[in-house]
Amino acid sequence: MNKVIKRIFRTFAIFIVLLIVASFFLPSKVKVERTKLIDATPSIVYNYVIDLKKWKYWSPWHQLDTTQYNNPNNYSVNTIGTGAKYCWDSQNENVGKGCLTIIDSKQNKYIETLLEFEGMNPSTGKWHFKPLDNNKTEVTWSMEADLGFNPISRYFGLFFDSMIGPDFEKGLNNLNNIVKK
């Protein structure tokens, strides 16, 4: 019996070591990106993204915990443009605790954000607004993150797109519905 337990333990230990070694061959950087054709001009769509207080109208995470978006103490004095910041601390595990800061923007063309979730490396969000005929806009929303050397994070990265991508799609659809009104 003692040999069987040692063999099981040894096999388990080898399996764990192999998982850790394999994780170093997984990508440390991940990206999620979704694009949607929105029925509004770039300036209309841009204004809903550049103003952090307007995220409550379309953000997929607002529906999970509306109390966080309605608290004025969660926002910086300036909620529009570069330097605008929004922080939250939700009891909902799908929302968590973190901050979103607009770090760069070019009117009606581009917005870049820094997303900081507690316990995770910061990630960068980007928005691109491409004008099209008939007052439509191609909107691309992306997020990039560096998972570092943590083997668990790197395995998590394999599912990053499938976990966050549907939220981006929902947010872009919500944004389209809001601007059509």
C-alpha atoms as a PDB file:
ATOM      1  CA  MET A   1       0.000   0.000   0.000  1.00  0.00           C
ATOM      2  CA  ASN A   2       2.837   2.398   0.856  1.00  0.00           C
ATOM      3  CA  LYS A   3       4.404   1.901  -2.624  1.00  0.00           C
ATOM      4  CA  VAL A   4       1.079   2.654  -4.283  1.00  0.00           C
ATOM      5  CA  ILE A   5       0.725   5.927  -2.381  1.00  0.00           C
ATOM      6  CA  LYS A   6       4.293   6.931  -3.264  1.00  0.00           C
ATOM      7  CA  ARG A   7       3.667   6.108  -6.922  1.00  0.00           C
ATOM      8  CA  ILE A   8       0.458   8.170  -6.956  1.00  0.00           C
ATOM      9  CA  PHE A   9       2.205  11.076  -5.235  1.00  0.00           C
ATOM     10  CA  ARG A  10       5.161  10.897  -7.633  1.00  0.00           C
ATOM     11  CA  THR A  11       2.859  10.765 -10.671  1.00  0.00           C
ATOM     12  CA  PHE A  12       0.882  13.731  -9.351  1.00  0.00           C
ATOM     13  CA  ALA A  13       4.090  15.700  -8.679  1.00  0.00           C
ATOM     14  CA  ILE A  14       5.397  14.992 -12.188  1.00  0.00           C
ATOM     15  CA  PHE A  15       2.054  16.063 -13.634  1.00  0.00           C
ATOM     16  CA  ILE A  16       2.169  19.376 -11.712  1.00  0.00           C
ATOM     17  CA  VAL A  17       5.762  20.044 -12.787  1.00  0.00           C
ATOM     18  CA  LEU A  18       4.831  19.357 -16.423  1.00  0.00           C
ATOM     19  CA  LEU A  19       1.892  21.770 -16.180  1.00  0.00           C
ATOM     20  CA  ILE A  20       4.152  24.481 -14.779  1.00  0.00           C
ATOM     21  CA  VAL A  21       6.838  23.910 -17.416  1.00  0.00           C
ATOM     22  CA  ALA A  22       4.221  23.874 -20.192  1.00  0.00           C
ATOM     23  CA  SER A  23       2.827  27.208 -18.949  1.00  0.00           C
ATOM     24  CA  PHE A  24       6.107  28.931 -19.878  1.00  0.00           C
ATOM     25  CA  PHE A  25       5.405  28.049 -23.510  1.00  0.00           C
ATOM     26  CA  LEU A  26       1.968  29.668 -23.387  1.00  0.00           C
ATOM     27  CA  PRO A  27       1.659  33.298 -24.464  1.00  0.00           C
ATOM     28  CA  SER A  28       2.062  35.859 -21.709  1.00  0.00           C
ATOM     29  CA  LYS A  29       0.209  38.544 -23.660  1.00  0.00           C
ATOM     30  CA  VAL A  30      -3.446  38.229 -24.568  1.00  0.00           C
ATOM     31  CA  LYS A  31      -5.830  40.365 -26.600  1.00  0.00           C
ATOM     32  CA  VAL A  32      -9.587  40.484 -26.962  1.00  0.00           C
ATOM     33  CA  GLU A  33     -11.109  42.491 -29.798  1.00  0.00           C
ATOM     34  CA  ARG A  34     -14.596  42.989 -31.137  1.00  0.00           C
ATOM     35  CA  THR A  35     -15.874  45.240 -33.930  1.00  0.00           C
ATOM     36  CA  LYS A  36     -19.412  46.439 -34.602  1.00  0.00           C
ATOM     37  CA  LEU A  37     -21.046  48.652 -37.191  1.00  0.00           C
ATOM     38  CA  ILE A  38     -23.001  51.270 -35.224  1.00  0.00           C
ATOM     39  CA  ASP A  39     -25.833  53.356 -36.649  1.00  0.00           C
ATOM     40  CA  ALA A  40     -24.494  56.778 -35.652  1.00  0.00           C
ATOM     41  CA  THR A  41     -21.714  59.197 -36.523  1.00  0.00           C
ATOM     42  CA  PRO A  42     -18.319  58.809 -34.820  1.00  0.00           C
ATOM     43  CA  SER A  43     -18.907  61.936 -32.695  1.00  0.00           C
ATOM     44  CA  ILE A  44     -22.107  60.517 -31.179  1.00  0.00           C
ATOM     45  CA  VAL A  45     -20.552  57.133 -30.383  1.00  0.00           C
ATOM     46  CA  TYR A  46     -17.307  58.700 -29.164  1.00  0.00           C
ATOM     47  CA  ASN A  47     -19.212  60.911 -26.708  1.00  0.00           C
ATOM     48  CA  TYR A  48     -20.767  57.849 -25.051  1.00  0.00           C
ATOM     49  CA  VAL A  49     -17.347  56.288 -24.494  1.00  0.00           C
ATOM     50  CA  ILE A  50     -15.200  59.328 -23.623  1.00  0.00           C
ATOM     51  CA  ASP A  51     -17.566  60.300 -20.770  1.00  0.00           C
ATOM     52  CA  LEU A  52     -17.192  57.717 -18.000  1.00  0.00           C
ATOM     53  CA  LYS A  53     -20.557  58.680 -16.487  1.00  0.00           C
ATOM     54  CA  LYS A  54     -22.248  57.586 -19.721  1.00  0.00           C
ATOM     55  CA  TRP A  55     -20.852  54.050 -19.435  1.00  0.00           C
ATOM     56  CA  LYS A  56     -23.781  53.230 -17.141  1.00  0.00           C
ATOM     57  CA  TYR A  57     -26.053  53.408 -20.195  1.00  0.00           C
ATOM     58  CA  TRP A  58     -24.301  50.714 -22.210  1.00  0.00           C
ATOM     59  CA  SER A  59     -21.583  48.927 -20.211  1.00  0.00           C
ATOM     60  CA  PRO A  60     -22.312  45.198 -19.814  1.00  0.00           C
ATOM     61  CA  TRP A  61     -20.949  45.285 -16.266  1.00  0.00           C
ATOM     62  CA  HIS A  62     -23.374  48.004 -15.164  1.00  0.00           C
ATOM     63  CA  GLN A  63     -26.226  45.523 -15.397  1.00  0.00           C
ATOM     64  CA  LEU A  64     -24.422  43.285 -12.898  1.00  0.00           C
ATOM     65  CA  ASP A  65     -24.149  45.980 -10.207  1.00  0.00           C
ATOM     66  CA  THR A  66     -25.882  49.294 -10.910  1.00  0.00           C
ATOM     67  CA  THR A  67     -25.035  50.727  -7.479  1.00  0.00           C
ATOM     68  CA  GLN A  68     -21.393  51.183  -8.455  1.00  0.00           C
ATOM     69  CA  TYR A  69     -22.184  53.445 -11.421  1.00  0.00           C
ATOM     70  CA  ASN A  70     -24.616  55.626  -9.510  1.00  0.00           C
ATOM     71  CA  ASN A  71     -22.189  56.538  -6.710  1.00  0.00           C
ATOM     72  CA  PRO A  72     -20.714  59.993  -7.490  1.00  0.00           C
ATOM     73  CA  ASN A  73     -17.787  59.306  -5.133  1.00  0.00           C
ATOM     74  CA  ASN A  74     -16.526  56.661  -7.555  1.00  0.00           C
ATOM     75  CA  TYR A  75     -15.638  59.246 -10.222  1.00  0.00           C
ATOM     76  CA  SER A  76     -12.781  61.725 -10.523  1.00  0.00           C
ATOM     77  CA  VAL A  77     -13.747  65.407 -10.693  1.00  0.00           C
ATOM     78  CA  ASN A  78     -13.300  65.284 -14.468  1.00  0.00           C
ATOM     79  CA  THR A  79     -15.216  62.365 -16.020  1.00  0.00           C
ATOM     80  CA  ILE A  80     -14.542  63.244 -19.656  1.00  0.00           C
ATOM     81  CA  GLY A  81     -11.315  62.805 -21.600  1.00  0.00           C
ATOM     82  CA  THR A  82      -7.715  62.093 -20.729  1.00  0.00           C
ATOM     83  CA  GLY A  83      -7.228  61.779 -16.987  1.00  0.00           C
ATOM     84  CA  ALA A  84     -10.856  60.904 -16.249  1.00  0.00           C
ATOM     85  CA  LYS A  85     -11.065  58.059 -13.742  1.00  0.00           C
ATOM     86  CA  TYR A  86     -13.733  55.778 -12.390  1.00  0.00           C
ATOM     87  CA  CYS A  87     -13.221  53.328  -9.492  1.00  0.00           C
ATOM     88  CA  TRP A  88     -15.570  50.712  -8.079  1.00  0.00           C
ATOM     89  CA  ASP A  89     -15.723  48.150  -5.293  1.00  0.00           C
ATOM     90  CA  SER A  90     -18.510  45.679  -5.931  1.00  0.00           C
ATOM     91  CA  GLN A  91     -19.591  42.699  -3.879  1.00  0.00           C
ATOM     92  CA  ASN A  92     -20.512  41.003  -7.174  1.00  0.00           C
ATOM     93  CA  GLU A  93     -17.596  38.707  -8.024  1.00  0.00           C
ATOM     94  CA  ASN A  94     -18.136  39.340 -11.750  1.00  0.00           C
ATOM     95  CA  VAL A  95     -17.569  43.067 -11.215  1.00  0.00           C
ATOM     96  CA  GLY A  96     -14.961  43.043  -8.430  1.00  0.00           C
ATOM     97  CA  LYS A  97     -12.817  46.003  -7.437  1.00  0.00           C
ATOM     98  CA  GLY A  98     -10.804  48.215  -9.733  1.00  0.00           C
ATOM     99  CA  CYS A  99     -10.305  51.470 -11.608  1.00  0.00           C
ATOM    100  CA  LEU A 100     -10.611  52.594 -15.214  1.00  0.00           C
ATOM    101  CA  THR A 101      -8.640  55.637 -16.376  1.00  0.00           C
ATOM    102  CA  ILE A 102      -8.683  57.317 -19.776  1.00  0.00           C
ATOM    103  CA  ILE A 103      -5.000  57.716 -20.615  1.00  0.00           C
ATOM    104  CA  ASP A 104      -5.173  59.004 -24.186  1.00  0.00           C
ATOM    105  CA  SER A 105      -7.729  60.126 -26.729  1.00  0.00           C
ATOM    106  CA  LYS A 106      -8.128  61.768 -30.110  1.00  0.00           C
ATOM    107  CA  GLN A 107     -11.550  63.283 -30.633  1.00  0.00           C
ATOM    108  CA  ASN A 108     -13.951  61.042 -32.593  1.00  0.00           C
ATOM    109  CA  LYS A 109     -11.106  58.699 -33.563  1.00  0.00           C
ATOM    110  CA  TYR A 110      -9.463  56.924 -30.640  1.00  0.00           C
ATOM    111  CA  ILE A 111      -9.623  56.335 -26.878  1.00  0.00           C
ATOM    112  CA  GLU A 112      -7.134  54.407 -24.735  1.00  0.00           C
ATOM    113  CA  THR A 113      -7.864  53.308 -21.176  1.00  0.00           C
ATOM    114  CA  LEU A 114      -5.952  51.709 -18.328  1.00  0.00           C
ATOM    115  CA  LEU A 115      -7.913  49.019 -16.484  1.00  0.00           C
ATOM    116  CA  GLU A 116      -6.684  48.003 -13.051  1.00  0.00           C
ATOM    117  CA  PHE A 117      -8.411  45.095 -11.319  1.00  0.00           C
ATOM    118  CA  GLU A 118      -7.404  44.246  -7.785  1.00  0.00           C
ATOM    119  CA  GLY A 119      -5.042  41.266  -7.770  1.00  0.00           C
ATOM    120  CA  MET A 120      -4.331  41.386 -11.518  1.00  0.00           C
ATOM    121  CA  ASN A 121      -1.799  43.066 -13.777  1.00  0.00           C
ATOM    122  CA  PRO A 122      -3.119  46.247 -15.441  1.00  0.00           C
ATOM    123  CA  SER A 123      -4.523  45.948 -18.936  1.00  0.00           C
ATOM    124  CA  THR A 124      -5.002  48.448 -21.737  1.00  0.00           C
ATOM    125  CA  GLY A 125      -8.301  49.068 -23.479  1.00  0.00           C
ATOM    126  CA  LYS A 126      -8.550  50.714 -26.866  1.00  0.00           C
ATOM    127  CA  TRP A 127     -11.417  52.120 -28.862  1.00  0.00           C
ATOM    128  CA  HIS A 128     -11.232  53.007 -32.551  1.00  0.00           C
ATOM    129  CA  PHE A 129     -13.999  54.893 -34.355  1.00  0.00           C
ATOM    130  CA  LYS A 130     -13.944  54.655 -38.149  1.00  0.00           C
ATOM    131  CA  PRO A 131     -16.464  56.797 -40.064  1.00  0.00           C
ATOM    132  CA  LEU A 132     -18.416  55.069 -42.821  1.00  0.00           C
ATOM    133  CA  ASP A 133     -20.994  56.192 -45.352  1.00  0.00           C
ATOM    134  CA  ASN A 134     -24.604  56.832 -44.296  1.00  0.00           C
ATOM    135  CA  ASN A 135     -23.601  58.251 -40.875  1.00  0.00           C
ATOM    136  CA  LYS A 136     -22.411  54.887 -39.561  1.00  0.00           C
ATOM    137  CA  THR A 137     -19.320  54.099 -37.535  1.00  0.00           C
ATOM    138  CA  GLU A 138     -17.191  50.990 -37.334  1.00  0.00           C
ATOM    139  CA  VAL A 139     -16.293  50.701 -33.659  1.00  0.00           C
ATOM    140  CA  THR A 140     -13.487  48.417 -32.502  1.00  0.00           C
ATOM    141  CA  TRP A 141     -13.118  47.720 -28.780  1.00  0.00           C
ATOM    142  CA  SER A 142     -10.029  45.831 -27.671  1.00  0.00           C
ATOM    143  CA  MET A 143      -8.184  44.961 -24.496  1.00  0.00           C
ATOM    144  CA  GLU A 144      -4.611  43.756 -24.090  1.00  0.00           C
ATOM    145  CA  ALA A 145      -3.063  42.299 -20.962  1.00  0.00           C
ATOM    146  CA  ASP A 146       0.337  40.947 -19.959  1.00  0.00           C
ATOM    147  CA  LEU A 147      -0.151  37.908 -17.752  1.00  0.00           C
ATOM    148  CA  GLY A 148       3.454  37.791 -16.602  1.00  0.00           C
ATOM    149  CA  PHE A 149       5.112  34.570 -15.479  1.00  0.00           C
ATOM    150  CA  ASN A 150       2.320  33.239 -13.266  1.00  0.00           C
ATOM    151  CA  PRO A 151       1.499  29.780 -14.687  1.00  0.00           C
ATOM    152  CA  ILE A 152      -2.135  29.947 -13.552  1.00  0.00           C
ATOM    153  CA  SER A 153      -2.602  33.305 -15.277  1.00  0.00           C
ATOM    154  CA  ARG A 154      -1.138  31.959 -18.485  1.00  0.00           C
ATOM    155  CA  TYR A 155      -3.598  29.062 -18.513  1.00  0.00           C
ATOM    156  CA  PHE A 156      -6.351  31.569 -17.757  1.00  0.00           C
ATOM    157  CA  GLY A 157      -5.180  33.498 -20.816  1.00  0.00           C
ATOM    158  CA  LEU A 158      -6.231  30.601 -23.041  1.00  0.00           C
ATOM    159  CA  PHE A 159      -9.854  31.404 -22.137  1.00  0.00           C
ATOM    160  CA  PHE A 160      -9.515  35.190 -22.069  1.00  0.00           C
ATOM    161  CA  ASP A 161     -11.236  35.793 -25.391  1.00  0.00           C
ATOM    162  CA  SER A 162     -14.131  33.425 -24.722  1.00  0.00           C
ATOM    163  CA  MET A 163     -14.685  34.909 -21.260  1.00  0.00           C
ATOM    164  CA  ILE A 164     -14.461  38.630 -22.085  1.00  0.00           C
ATOM    165  CA  GLY A 165     -15.376  38.694 -25.779  1.00  0.00           C
ATOM    166  CA  PRO A 166     -19.116  38.131 -25.189  1.00  0.00           C
ATOM    167  CA  ASP A 167     -19.152  41.073 -22.750  1.00  0.00           C
ATOM    168  CA  PHE A 168     -17.553  43.280 -25.419  1.00  0.00           C
ATOM    169  CA  GLU A 169     -20.174  42.128 -27.935  1.00  0.00           C
ATOM    170  CA  LYS A 170     -22.965  42.888 -25.469  1.00  0.00           C
ATOM    171  CA  GLY A 171     -21.482  46.312 -24.705  1.00  0.00           C
ATOM    172  CA  LEU A 172     -21.186  47.200 -28.385  1.00  0.00           C
ATOM    173  CA  ASN A 173     -24.769  46.066 -29.001  1.00  0.00           C
ATOM    174  CA  ASN A 174     -25.952  48.137 -26.012  1.00  0.00           C
ATOM    175  CA  LEU A 175     -24.000  51.119 -27.339  1.00  0.00           C
ATOM    176  CA  ASN A 176     -25.628  50.724 -30.747  1.00  0.00           C
ATOM    177  CA  ASN A 177     -29.099  50.572 -29.185  1.00  0.00           C
ATOM    178  CA  ILE A 178     -28.469  53.683 -27.059  1.00  0.00           C
ATOM    179  CA  VAL A 179     -27.150  55.849 -29.891  1.00  0.00           C
ATOM    180  CA  LYS A 180     -30.019  54.863 -32.214  1.00  0.00           C
ATOM    181  CA  LYS A 181     -32.441  56.470 -29.746  1.00  0.00           C
END
